[in-house]
Each structure stands twice: as C-alpha cells, then as structure tokens.
Amino acid sequence: METDYEKFVKAFREEEVKTKHLNRKAEKVKVTRKVKHDKRVTLEHIRVQMVRDVSYNIKSLRQRNAKNCDTVAFINKKFAQIRQIISE
C-alpha cells in the first residue's frame, strides 16, 4: 500500500511531465506565430513593391499617351482593376 508521501511524489512527477509537455507546446506555438507573422509581412512588402512598379509603368504610359483621352481612360480603368487584384 502506498503512503501519502509516495502518492504526493507520484502526483508531483506526473504534473511535472505535463508542465514540460505544455512548455514545449507553447514554444512551438510561439515559433509558429512568428513564422506566420513573418510570412504576412513578406507578402505585404511584395504587394507594395508590385503596386509601386505597376504605378511607375502606368504613369509612363499615361505620359506617352496624354494627347488621347480615351487611351488614358482605358489605362486608368485597367490600373484600377490591377490594384484591386493585387490587394486581394
């Protein structure tokens, strides 16, 4: 028959094992959150760079075709669609 002390020690050890497991699990979750955050930040930087590059090209197209209003309107419409696609 186990004494109270042995029961206490056994319970304490089981709790310690659970604590170690939970600590490792928490560390894994933290790493995962950081990785997910870094991925989101990277995608946002890529989006911003794409919009910047497309804007630069569209601006030069507008300047080269400034004498034709219909062409500029078409360019503006397509640029709006491109921006919408990139922002998704």
N, C-alpha and C. Protein backbone atom coordinates (compact mmCIF):
# COMPACT_ATOMS: atom_id res chain seq x y z
N MET A 1 0.83 -1.16 0.00
CA MET A 1 0.00 0.00 0.00
C MET A 1 0.89 1.25 0.00
N GLU A 2 0.49 2.24 -0.83
CA GLU A 2 1.28 3.47 -0.95
C GLU A 2 0.96 4.41 0.21
N THR A 3 2.00 5.06 0.65
CA THR A 3 1.79 6.06 1.68
C THR A 3 1.36 7.37 1.02
N ASP A 4 0.92 8.28 1.85
CA ASP A 4 0.50 9.57 1.34
C ASP A 4 1.66 10.29 0.66
N TYR A 5 2.83 10.14 1.23
CA TYR A 5 4.02 10.79 0.67
C TYR A 5 4.32 10.25 -0.74
N GLU A 6 4.26 8.95 -0.92
CA GLU A 6 4.51 8.35 -2.22
C GLU A 6 3.47 8.78 -3.25
N LYS A 7 2.22 8.90 -2.80
CA LYS A 7 1.17 9.39 -3.69
C LYS A 7 1.45 10.83 -4.10
N PHE A 8 1.88 11.62 -3.14
CA PHE A 8 2.20 13.02 -3.40
C PHE A 8 3.34 13.14 -4.41
N VAL A 9 4.40 12.35 -4.21
CA VAL A 9 5.56 12.37 -5.11
C VAL A 9 5.14 11.93 -6.51
N LYS A 10 4.34 10.90 -6.59
CA LYS A 10 3.87 10.40 -7.89
C LYS A 10 3.04 11.46 -8.61
N ALA A 11 2.13 12.08 -7.88
CA ALA A 11 1.30 13.13 -8.48
C ALA A 11 2.16 14.31 -8.93
N PHE A 12 3.15 14.67 -8.13
CA PHE A 12 4.03 15.79 -8.46
C PHE A 12 4.81 15.50 -9.75
N ARG A 13 5.32 14.30 -9.85
CA ARG A 13 6.09 13.91 -11.06
C ARG A 13 5.21 13.93 -12.29
N GLU A 14 4.00 13.43 -12.18
CA GLU A 14 3.08 13.45 -13.33
C GLU A 14 2.77 14.88 -13.75
N GLU A 15 2.58 15.75 -12.78
CA GLU A 15 2.32 17.16 -13.08
C GLU A 15 3.53 17.80 -13.75
N GLU A 16 4.73 17.44 -13.31
CA GLU A 16 5.95 17.99 -13.90
C GLU A 16 6.06 17.57 -15.36
N VAL A 17 5.72 16.34 -15.65
CA VAL A 17 5.74 15.85 -17.03
C VAL A 17 4.76 16.66 -17.88
N LYS A 18 3.57 16.88 -17.35
CA LYS A 18 2.58 17.67 -18.08
C LYS A 18 3.11 19.08 -18.32
N THR A 19 3.75 19.66 -17.33
CA THR A 19 4.28 21.01 -17.45
C THR A 19 5.35 21.07 -18.53
N LYS A 20 6.25 20.09 -18.57
CA LYS A 20 7.28 20.07 -19.61
C LYS A 20 6.65 20.00 -20.99
N HIS A 21 5.66 19.14 -21.12
CA HIS A 21 4.97 19.00 -22.41
C HIS A 21 4.31 20.32 -22.82
N LEU A 22 3.62 20.94 -21.86
CA LEU A 22 2.94 22.20 -22.16
C LEU A 22 3.94 23.31 -22.50
N ASN A 23 5.08 23.32 -21.83
CA ASN A 23 6.10 24.32 -22.15
C ASN A 23 6.62 24.14 -23.58
N ARG A 24 6.91 22.91 -23.96
CA ARG A 24 7.36 22.65 -25.33
C ARG A 24 6.29 23.02 -26.34
N LYS A 25 5.05 22.72 -26.01
CA LYS A 25 3.95 23.05 -26.91
C LYS A 25 3.81 24.56 -27.06
N ALA A 26 3.95 25.31 -25.97
CA ALA A 26 3.87 26.76 -26.01
C ALA A 26 5.01 27.35 -26.85
N GLU A 27 6.20 26.81 -26.72
CA GLU A 27 7.33 27.28 -27.53
C GLU A 27 7.06 27.04 -29.01
N LYS A 28 6.50 25.89 -29.33
CA LYS A 28 6.20 25.57 -30.72
C LYS A 28 5.16 26.54 -31.28
N VAL A 29 4.14 26.86 -30.49
CA VAL A 29 3.11 27.80 -30.92
C VAL A 29 3.72 29.18 -31.15
N LYS A 30 4.62 29.61 -30.26
CA LYS A 30 5.27 30.90 -30.43
C LYS A 30 6.06 30.96 -31.72
N VAL A 31 6.80 29.91 -32.01
CA VAL A 31 7.58 29.86 -33.24
C VAL A 31 6.63 29.90 -34.44
N THR A 32 5.57 29.16 -34.36
CA THR A 32 4.62 29.12 -35.47
C THR A 32 4.01 30.50 -35.69
N ARG A 33 3.65 31.18 -34.62
CA ARG A 33 3.08 32.52 -34.77
C ARG A 33 4.07 33.46 -35.42
N LYS A 34 5.33 33.37 -35.02
CA LYS A 34 6.35 34.24 -35.59
C LYS A 34 6.53 33.95 -37.08
N VAL A 35 6.53 32.68 -37.43
CA VAL A 35 6.69 32.32 -38.83
C VAL A 35 5.51 32.84 -39.64
N LYS A 36 4.31 32.67 -39.11
CA LYS A 36 3.11 33.17 -39.80
C LYS A 36 3.16 34.69 -39.95
N HIS A 37 3.58 35.38 -38.90
CA HIS A 37 3.67 36.83 -38.95
C HIS A 37 4.69 37.28 -39.99
N ASP A 38 5.85 36.63 -40.00
CA ASP A 38 6.88 36.97 -40.97
C ASP A 38 6.39 36.74 -42.40
N LYS A 39 5.64 35.69 -42.59
CA LYS A 39 5.10 35.40 -43.92
C LYS A 39 4.14 36.50 -44.36
N ARG A 40 3.25 36.93 -43.44
CA ARG A 40 2.32 38.01 -43.77
C ARG A 40 3.05 39.30 -44.11
N VAL A 41 4.07 39.62 -43.33
CA VAL A 41 4.84 40.84 -43.56
C VAL A 41 5.53 40.77 -44.92
N THR A 42 6.10 39.62 -45.25
CA THR A 42 6.77 39.45 -46.54
C THR A 42 5.78 39.63 -47.69
N LEU A 43 4.61 39.03 -47.58
CA LEU A 43 3.61 39.19 -48.63
C LEU A 43 3.17 40.64 -48.78
N GLU A 44 3.05 41.34 -47.68
CA GLU A 44 2.66 42.76 -47.73
C GLU A 44 3.73 43.58 -48.43
N HIS A 45 5.00 43.29 -48.14
CA HIS A 45 6.09 44.00 -48.82
C HIS A 45 6.07 43.73 -50.32
N ILE A 46 5.78 42.49 -50.69
CA ILE A 46 5.71 42.14 -52.11
C ILE A 46 4.56 42.88 -52.78
N ARG A 47 3.41 42.94 -52.11
CA ARG A 47 2.27 43.68 -52.67
C ARG A 47 2.62 45.15 -52.90
N VAL A 48 3.23 45.75 -51.89
CA VAL A 48 3.58 47.17 -52.00
C VAL A 48 4.55 47.38 -53.16
N GLN A 49 5.53 46.51 -53.28
CA GLN A 49 6.51 46.63 -54.37
C GLN A 49 5.85 46.45 -55.74
N MET A 50 4.91 45.51 -55.83
CA MET A 50 4.20 45.31 -57.09
C MET A 50 3.40 46.54 -57.48
N VAL A 51 2.68 47.11 -56.52
CA VAL A 51 1.89 48.31 -56.80
C VAL A 51 2.81 49.45 -57.22
N ARG A 52 3.95 49.57 -56.56
CA ARG A 52 4.90 50.62 -56.89
C ARG A 52 5.41 50.46 -58.32
N ASP A 53 5.80 49.25 -58.69
CA ASP A 53 6.31 49.00 -60.03
C ASP A 53 5.26 49.23 -61.11
N VAL A 54 4.06 48.71 -60.86
CA VAL A 54 2.97 48.89 -61.82
C VAL A 54 2.61 50.37 -61.94
N SER A 55 2.58 51.07 -60.82
CA SER A 55 2.27 52.51 -60.85
C SER A 55 3.27 53.27 -61.69
N TYR A 56 4.52 52.91 -61.55
CA TYR A 56 5.58 53.58 -62.32
C TYR A 56 5.37 53.36 -63.82
N ASN A 57 5.08 52.12 -64.19
CA ASN A 57 4.85 51.82 -65.61
C ASN A 57 3.59 52.49 -66.15
N ILE A 58 2.54 52.49 -65.36
CA ILE A 58 1.29 53.12 -65.78
C ILE A 58 1.49 54.63 -65.95
N LYS A 59 2.23 55.23 -65.04
CA LYS A 59 2.49 56.66 -65.13
C LYS A 59 3.21 57.00 -66.44
N SER A 60 4.20 56.20 -66.80
CA SER A 60 4.90 56.47 -68.06
C SER A 60 3.98 56.25 -69.26
N LEU A 61 3.10 55.25 -69.19
CA LEU A 61 2.12 55.04 -70.27
C LEU A 61 1.19 56.24 -70.41
N ARG A 62 0.72 56.74 -69.29
CA ARG A 62 -0.17 57.91 -69.31
C ARG A 62 0.53 59.11 -69.96
N GLN A 63 1.77 59.33 -69.60
CA GLN A 63 2.51 60.47 -70.14
C GLN A 63 2.72 60.34 -71.65
N ARG A 64 3.03 59.13 -72.11
CA ARG A 64 3.26 58.92 -73.54
C ARG A 64 1.98 59.04 -74.36
N ASN A 65 0.83 58.78 -73.72
CA ASN A 65 -0.45 58.81 -74.44
C ASN A 65 -1.36 59.94 -73.95
N ALA A 66 -0.79 60.99 -73.41
CA ALA A 66 -1.59 62.06 -72.80
C ALA A 66 -2.47 62.78 -73.80
N LYS A 67 -2.10 62.78 -75.08
CA LYS A 67 -2.90 63.51 -76.07
C LYS A 67 -4.21 62.80 -76.40
N ASN A 68 -4.33 61.51 -76.07
CA ASN A 68 -5.53 60.75 -76.38
C ASN A 68 -6.29 60.43 -75.09
N CYS A 69 -7.38 61.11 -74.85
CA CYS A 69 -8.13 60.94 -73.60
C CYS A 69 -8.73 59.55 -73.45
N ASP A 70 -9.18 58.96 -74.56
CA ASP A 70 -9.77 57.62 -74.49
C ASP A 70 -8.73 56.59 -74.04
N THR A 71 -7.52 56.72 -74.53
CA THR A 71 -6.45 55.79 -74.15
C THR A 71 -6.11 55.94 -72.67
N VAL A 72 -6.03 57.17 -72.20
CA VAL A 72 -5.73 57.41 -70.79
C VAL A 72 -6.85 56.87 -69.90
N ALA A 73 -8.10 57.02 -70.31
CA ALA A 73 -9.22 56.48 -69.55
C ALA A 73 -9.14 54.96 -69.48
N PHE A 74 -8.79 54.33 -70.62
CA PHE A 74 -8.63 52.88 -70.66
C PHE A 74 -7.51 52.44 -69.71
N ILE A 75 -6.39 53.16 -69.75
CA ILE A 75 -5.25 52.84 -68.88
C ILE A 75 -5.64 52.96 -67.42
N ASN A 76 -6.35 54.03 -67.07
CA ASN A 76 -6.79 54.24 -65.68
C ASN A 76 -7.72 53.11 -65.22
N LYS A 77 -8.62 52.69 -66.10
CA LYS A 77 -9.56 51.62 -65.76
C LYS A 77 -8.81 50.32 -65.49
N LYS A 78 -7.87 49.99 -66.35
CA LYS A 78 -7.10 48.74 -66.17
C LYS A 78 -6.21 48.81 -64.93
N PHE A 79 -5.66 49.99 -64.67
CA PHE A 79 -4.83 50.15 -63.47
C PHE A 79 -5.66 49.94 -62.21
N ALA A 80 -6.89 50.43 -62.20
CA ALA A 80 -7.77 50.23 -61.05
C ALA A 80 -8.05 48.73 -60.85
N GLN A 81 -8.26 48.01 -61.95
CA GLN A 81 -8.50 46.57 -61.85
C GLN A 81 -7.26 45.84 -61.33
N ILE A 82 -6.10 46.25 -61.80
CA ILE A 82 -4.85 45.63 -61.35
C ILE A 82 -4.65 45.86 -59.87
N ARG A 83 -4.88 47.08 -59.41
CA ARG A 83 -4.74 47.39 -57.98
C ARG A 83 -5.69 46.55 -57.15
N GLN A 84 -6.90 46.37 -57.62
CA GLN A 84 -7.88 45.56 -56.90
C GLN A 84 -7.43 44.11 -56.80
N ILE A 85 -6.89 43.58 -57.88
CA ILE A 85 -6.41 42.20 -57.87
C ILE A 85 -5.24 42.03 -56.91
N ILE A 86 -4.32 42.98 -56.93
CA ILE A 86 -3.15 42.90 -56.06
C ILE A 86 -3.55 42.99 -54.58
N SER A 87 -4.56 43.77 -54.27
CA SER A 87 -4.95 43.97 -52.86
C SER A 87 -5.70 42.78 -52.27
N GLU A 88 -6.12 41.83 -53.08
CA GLU A 88 -6.84 40.66 -52.56
C GLU A 88 -5.97 39.78 -51.72
